[in-house]
Amino acid sequence: MTFPNSSTPLLPRSSTFVTPSLLWKAGAILAATGMVAGAFGSHGLKRRPGITPDSLTAWQTAAHYAIFNGLALFMVSMHPRFSTHKFAGPAIAGGGFVFSGSIIALVLWKLKFLGPITPLGGIFMIAGYITLAF
C-alpha cells in the first residue's frame, strides 16, 4: 500500500469528475452554441415578432459569451494544473451555459423568471476565472 504525499493526489485522477476531455467537450458545445446563436441572430431572429433592438443586443451578448467561454475551456482543458481543477472549469462551463442560455431563453420565450438567474451564471463564470489566478 502506498501513502499519498505532496506529489500524489489523495484520490486517483480517474475518479475525479473534472477531466480535460469533459472540459474540451463543454468548450466545443459552448463555442458551437455561440456560433449557431450568432448566425441565427443575424439571419432568423430579426423576423420573429416582438424582437427589439435591445433583444438583438442581448442575443449578441449571449452568443459572444458562449464563444469566449468555449475558447477559454479549450485552453483550460490543456493546462497541466487547471485541467483537473475541481472548481475553475466547471464554474466557467456551468456559468457560461446558465448565463448565455438564460439570455437566449429570455429573448426567445420571454421567460421573465430567468432574469434573476442570468447574473448567477455571470458570478460563476467570474469565480471560475478568478480561481485560475490562484
C-alpha atoms as a PDB file:
ATOM      1  CA  MET A   1       0.000   0.000   0.000  1.00  0.00           C
ATOM      2  CA  THR A   2       1.324   3.417  -0.922  1.00  0.00           C
ATOM      3  CA  PHE A   3       0.516   6.514   1.032  1.00  0.00           C
ATOM      4  CA  PRO A   4      -0.190   9.821  -0.642  1.00  0.00           C
ATOM      5  CA  ASN A   5       2.433  12.518  -0.368  1.00  0.00           C
ATOM      6  CA  SER A   6       2.666  16.087  -1.636  1.00  0.00           C
ATOM      7  CA  SER A   7       3.224  14.920  -5.225  1.00  0.00           C
ATOM      8  CA  THR A   8       0.347  12.440  -5.432  1.00  0.00           C
ATOM      9  CA  PRO A   9      -3.352  13.244  -5.351  1.00  0.00           C
ATOM     10  CA  LEU A  10      -5.399  11.871  -2.464  1.00  0.00           C
ATOM     11  CA  LEU A  11      -7.726  10.275  -4.995  1.00  0.00           C
ATOM     12  CA  PRO A  12      -6.608   8.785  -8.284  1.00  0.00           C
ATOM     13  CA  ARG A  13      -7.169  11.062 -11.260  1.00  0.00           C
ATOM     14  CA  SER A  14      -9.543   8.559 -12.827  1.00  0.00           C
ATOM     15  CA  SER A  15     -12.033   9.082 -10.011  1.00  0.00           C
ATOM     16  CA  THR A  16     -12.269  12.851 -10.490  1.00  0.00           C
ATOM     17  CA  PHE A  17     -15.337  14.250 -12.209  1.00  0.00           C
ATOM     18  CA  VAL A  18     -13.441  17.011 -13.977  1.00  0.00           C
ATOM     19  CA  THR A  19     -11.338  15.708 -16.830  1.00  0.00           C
ATOM     20  CA  PRO A  20      -9.609  17.531 -19.666  1.00  0.00           C
ATOM     21  CA  SER A  21     -11.874  15.657 -22.069  1.00  0.00           C
ATOM     22  CA  LEU A  22     -15.009  16.864 -20.283  1.00  0.00           C
ATOM     23  CA  LEU A  23     -13.808  20.474 -20.348  1.00  0.00           C
ATOM     24  CA  TRP A  24     -12.845  20.178 -24.026  1.00  0.00           C
ATOM     25  CA  LYS A  25     -16.313  18.835 -24.894  1.00  0.00           C
ATOM     26  CA  ALA A  26     -18.046  21.524 -22.837  1.00  0.00           C
ATOM     27  CA  GLY A  27     -15.940  24.135 -24.626  1.00  0.00           C
ATOM     28  CA  ALA A  28     -16.850  22.689 -28.001  1.00  0.00           C
ATOM     29  CA  ILE A  29     -20.556  22.701 -27.156  1.00  0.00           C
ATOM     30  CA  LEU A  30     -20.424  26.276 -25.815  1.00  0.00           C
ATOM     31  CA  ALA A  31     -18.464  27.571 -28.819  1.00  0.00           C
ATOM     32  CA  ALA A  32     -20.764  25.809 -31.293  1.00  0.00           C
ATOM     33  CA  THR A  33     -23.843  27.079 -29.458  1.00  0.00           C
ATOM     34  CA  GLY A  34     -22.475  30.607 -29.633  1.00  0.00           C
ATOM     35  CA  MET A  35     -21.781  30.312 -33.346  1.00  0.00           C
ATOM     36  CA  VAL A  36     -25.234  28.920 -34.093  1.00  0.00           C
ATOM     37  CA  ALA A  37     -26.845  31.590 -31.901  1.00  0.00           C
ATOM     38  CA  GLY A  38     -24.846  34.306 -33.627  1.00  0.00           C
ATOM     39  CA  ALA A  39     -25.834  33.069 -37.071  1.00  0.00           C
ATOM     40  CA  PHE A  40     -29.487  32.758 -36.091  1.00  0.00           C
ATOM     41  CA  GLY A  41     -29.382  36.217 -34.524  1.00  0.00           C
ATOM     42  CA  SER A  42     -28.017  37.696 -37.732  1.00  0.00           C
ATOM     43  CA  HIS A  43     -30.457  35.987 -40.080  1.00  0.00           C
ATOM     44  CA  GLY A  44     -33.561  34.484 -38.469  1.00  0.00           C
ATOM     45  CA  LEU A  45     -34.144  36.242 -35.176  1.00  0.00           C
ATOM     46  CA  LYS A  46     -34.969  39.618 -36.716  1.00  0.00           C
ATOM     47  CA  ARG A  47     -38.014  38.115 -38.441  1.00  0.00           C
ATOM     48  CA  ARG A  48     -39.604  36.918 -35.200  1.00  0.00           C
ATOM     49  CA  PRO A  49     -42.399  39.107 -33.871  1.00  0.00           C
ATOM     50  CA  GLY A  50     -41.601  41.118 -30.755  1.00  0.00           C
ATOM     51  CA  ILE A  51     -37.833  41.231 -31.281  1.00  0.00           C
ATOM     52  CA  THR A  52     -36.490  44.666 -30.419  1.00  0.00           C
ATOM     53  CA  PRO A  53     -33.027  46.163 -30.923  1.00  0.00           C
ATOM     54  CA  ASP A  54     -32.403  45.557 -27.197  1.00  0.00           C
ATOM     55  CA  SER A  55     -33.316  41.888 -27.679  1.00  0.00           C
ATOM     56  CA  LEU A  56     -30.831  41.620 -30.538  1.00  0.00           C
ATOM     57  CA  THR A  57     -28.110  43.215 -28.403  1.00  0.00           C
ATOM     58  CA  ALA A  58     -28.804  40.791 -25.559  1.00  0.00           C
ATOM     59  CA  TRP A  59     -28.746  37.890 -28.032  1.00  0.00           C
ATOM     60  CA  GLN A  60     -25.370  39.008 -29.389  1.00  0.00           C
ATOM     61  CA  THR A  61     -24.025  39.219 -25.841  1.00  0.00           C
ATOM     62  CA  ALA A  62     -25.162  35.654 -25.144  1.00  0.00           C
ATOM     63  CA  ALA A  63     -23.592  34.395 -28.386  1.00  0.00           C
ATOM     64  CA  HIS A  64     -20.294  36.188 -27.759  1.00  0.00           C
ATOM     65  CA  TYR A  65     -20.001  34.998 -24.175  1.00  0.00           C
ATOM     66  CA  ALA A  66     -20.727  31.409 -25.231  1.00  0.00           C
ATOM     67  CA  ILE A  67     -17.945  31.536 -27.822  1.00  0.00           C
ATOM     68  CA  PHE A  68     -15.446  33.208 -25.475  1.00  0.00           C
ATOM     69  CA  ASN A  69     -16.146  30.761 -22.665  1.00  0.00           C
ATOM     70  CA  GLY A  70     -15.913  27.836 -25.081  1.00  0.00           C
ATOM     71  CA  LEU A  71     -12.495  29.005 -26.240  1.00  0.00           C
ATOM     72  CA  ALA A  72     -11.403  29.535 -22.640  1.00  0.00           C
ATOM     73  CA  LEU A  73     -12.463  25.985 -21.771  1.00  0.00           C
ATOM     74  CA  PHE A  74     -10.351  24.675 -24.657  1.00  0.00           C
ATOM     75  CA  MET A  75      -7.345  26.413 -23.106  1.00  0.00           C
ATOM     76  CA  VAL A  76      -8.167  25.319 -19.559  1.00  0.00           C
ATOM     77  CA  SER A  77      -8.541  21.715 -20.728  1.00  0.00           C
ATOM     78  CA  MET A  78      -4.940  21.767 -21.975  1.00  0.00           C
ATOM     79  CA  HIS A  79      -3.438  23.334 -18.848  1.00  0.00           C
ATOM     80  CA  PRO A  80      -1.441  20.824 -16.765  1.00  0.00           C
ATOM     81  CA  ARG A  81      -2.784  22.091 -13.442  1.00  0.00           C
ATOM     82  CA  PHE A  82      -6.217  23.535 -14.145  1.00  0.00           C
ATOM     83  CA  SER A  83      -7.489  20.829 -16.491  1.00  0.00           C
ATOM     84  CA  THR A  84      -8.472  18.766 -13.449  1.00  0.00           C
ATOM     85  CA  HIS A  85      -9.251  21.629 -11.065  1.00  0.00           C
ATOM     86  CA  LYS A  86     -12.447  20.839  -9.178  1.00  0.00           C
ATOM     87  CA  PHE A  87     -13.943  24.334  -9.419  1.00  0.00           C
ATOM     88  CA  ALA A  88     -12.490  26.539 -12.178  1.00  0.00           C
ATOM     89  CA  GLY A  89     -13.515  24.620 -15.306  1.00  0.00           C
ATOM     90  CA  PRO A  90     -16.935  23.523 -14.056  1.00  0.00           C
ATOM     91  CA  ALA A  91     -17.693  27.073 -12.861  1.00  0.00           C
ATOM     92  CA  ILE A  92     -16.756  28.557 -16.233  1.00  0.00           C
ATOM     93  CA  ALA A  93     -18.734  25.894 -18.126  1.00  0.00           C
ATOM     94  CA  GLY A  94     -21.790  25.950 -15.881  1.00  0.00           C
ATOM     95  CA  GLY A  95     -21.760  29.723 -15.578  1.00  0.00           C
ATOM     96  CA  GLY A  96     -21.424  30.076 -19.340  1.00  0.00           C
ATOM     97  CA  PHE A  97     -24.336  27.742 -20.025  1.00  0.00           C
ATOM     98  CA  VAL A  98     -26.545  29.450 -17.430  1.00  0.00           C
ATOM     99  CA  PHE A  99     -25.591  32.983 -18.498  1.00  0.00           C
ATOM    100  CA  SER A 100     -25.936  32.525 -22.254  1.00  0.00           C
ATOM    101  CA  GLY A 101     -28.776  30.018 -22.042  1.00  0.00           C
ATOM    102  CA  SER A 102     -30.914  32.203 -19.818  1.00  0.00           C
ATOM    103  CA  ILE A 103     -30.455  35.212 -22.106  1.00  0.00           C
ATOM    104  CA  ILE A 104     -31.401  33.123 -25.144  1.00  0.00           C
ATOM    105  CA  ALA A 105     -34.494  31.815 -23.342  1.00  0.00           C
ATOM    106  CA  LEU A 106     -35.432  35.335 -22.248  1.00  0.00           C
ATOM    107  CA  VAL A 107     -35.242  36.624 -25.816  1.00  0.00           C
ATOM    108  CA  LEU A 108     -36.992  33.671 -27.468  1.00  0.00           C
ATOM    109  CA  TRP A 109     -39.715  32.824 -24.985  1.00  0.00           C
ATOM    110  CA  LYS A 110     -39.886  35.876 -22.702  1.00  0.00           C
ATOM    111  CA  LEU A 111     -39.390  33.696 -19.596  1.00  0.00           C
ATOM    112  CA  LYS A 112     -39.130  36.557 -17.113  1.00  0.00           C
ATOM    113  CA  PHE A 113     -38.253  34.293 -14.160  1.00  0.00           C
ATOM    114  CA  LEU A 114     -34.876  33.698 -15.814  1.00  0.00           C
ATOM    115  CA  GLY A 115     -33.911  37.366 -15.458  1.00  0.00           C
ATOM    116  CA  PRO A 116     -32.505  36.956 -11.931  1.00  0.00           C
ATOM    117  CA  ILE A 117     -30.760  33.706 -12.918  1.00  0.00           C
ATOM    118  CA  THR A 118     -28.597  35.330 -15.614  1.00  0.00           C
ATOM    119  CA  PRO A 119     -26.350  37.182 -13.123  1.00  0.00           C
ATOM    120  CA  LEU A 120     -25.811  33.945 -11.192  1.00  0.00           C
ATOM    121  CA  GLY A 121     -24.276  32.449 -14.325  1.00  0.00           C
ATOM    122  CA  GLY A 122     -22.071  35.505 -14.610  1.00  0.00           C
ATOM    123  CA  ILE A 123     -20.981  35.219 -10.987  1.00  0.00           C
ATOM    124  CA  PHE A 124     -19.979  31.590 -11.502  1.00  0.00           C
ATOM    125  CA  MET A 125     -18.044  32.466 -14.660  1.00  0.00           C
ATOM    126  CA  ILE A 126     -16.180  35.244 -12.858  1.00  0.00           C
ATOM    127  CA  ALA A 127     -15.452  32.999  -9.864  1.00  0.00           C
ATOM    128  CA  GLY A 128     -14.076  30.338 -12.202  1.00  0.00           C
ATOM    129  CA  TYR A 129     -11.759  32.808 -13.908  1.00  0.00           C
ATOM    130  CA  ILE A 130     -10.602  34.286 -10.598  1.00  0.00           C
ATOM    131  CA  THR A 131      -9.836  30.777  -9.356  1.00  0.00           C
ATOM    132  CA  LEU A 132      -7.423  30.362 -12.267  1.00  0.00           C
ATOM    133  CA  ALA A 133      -5.300  33.119 -10.764  1.00  0.00           C
ATOM    134  CA  PHE A 134      -4.565  31.064  -7.660  1.00  0.00           C
END
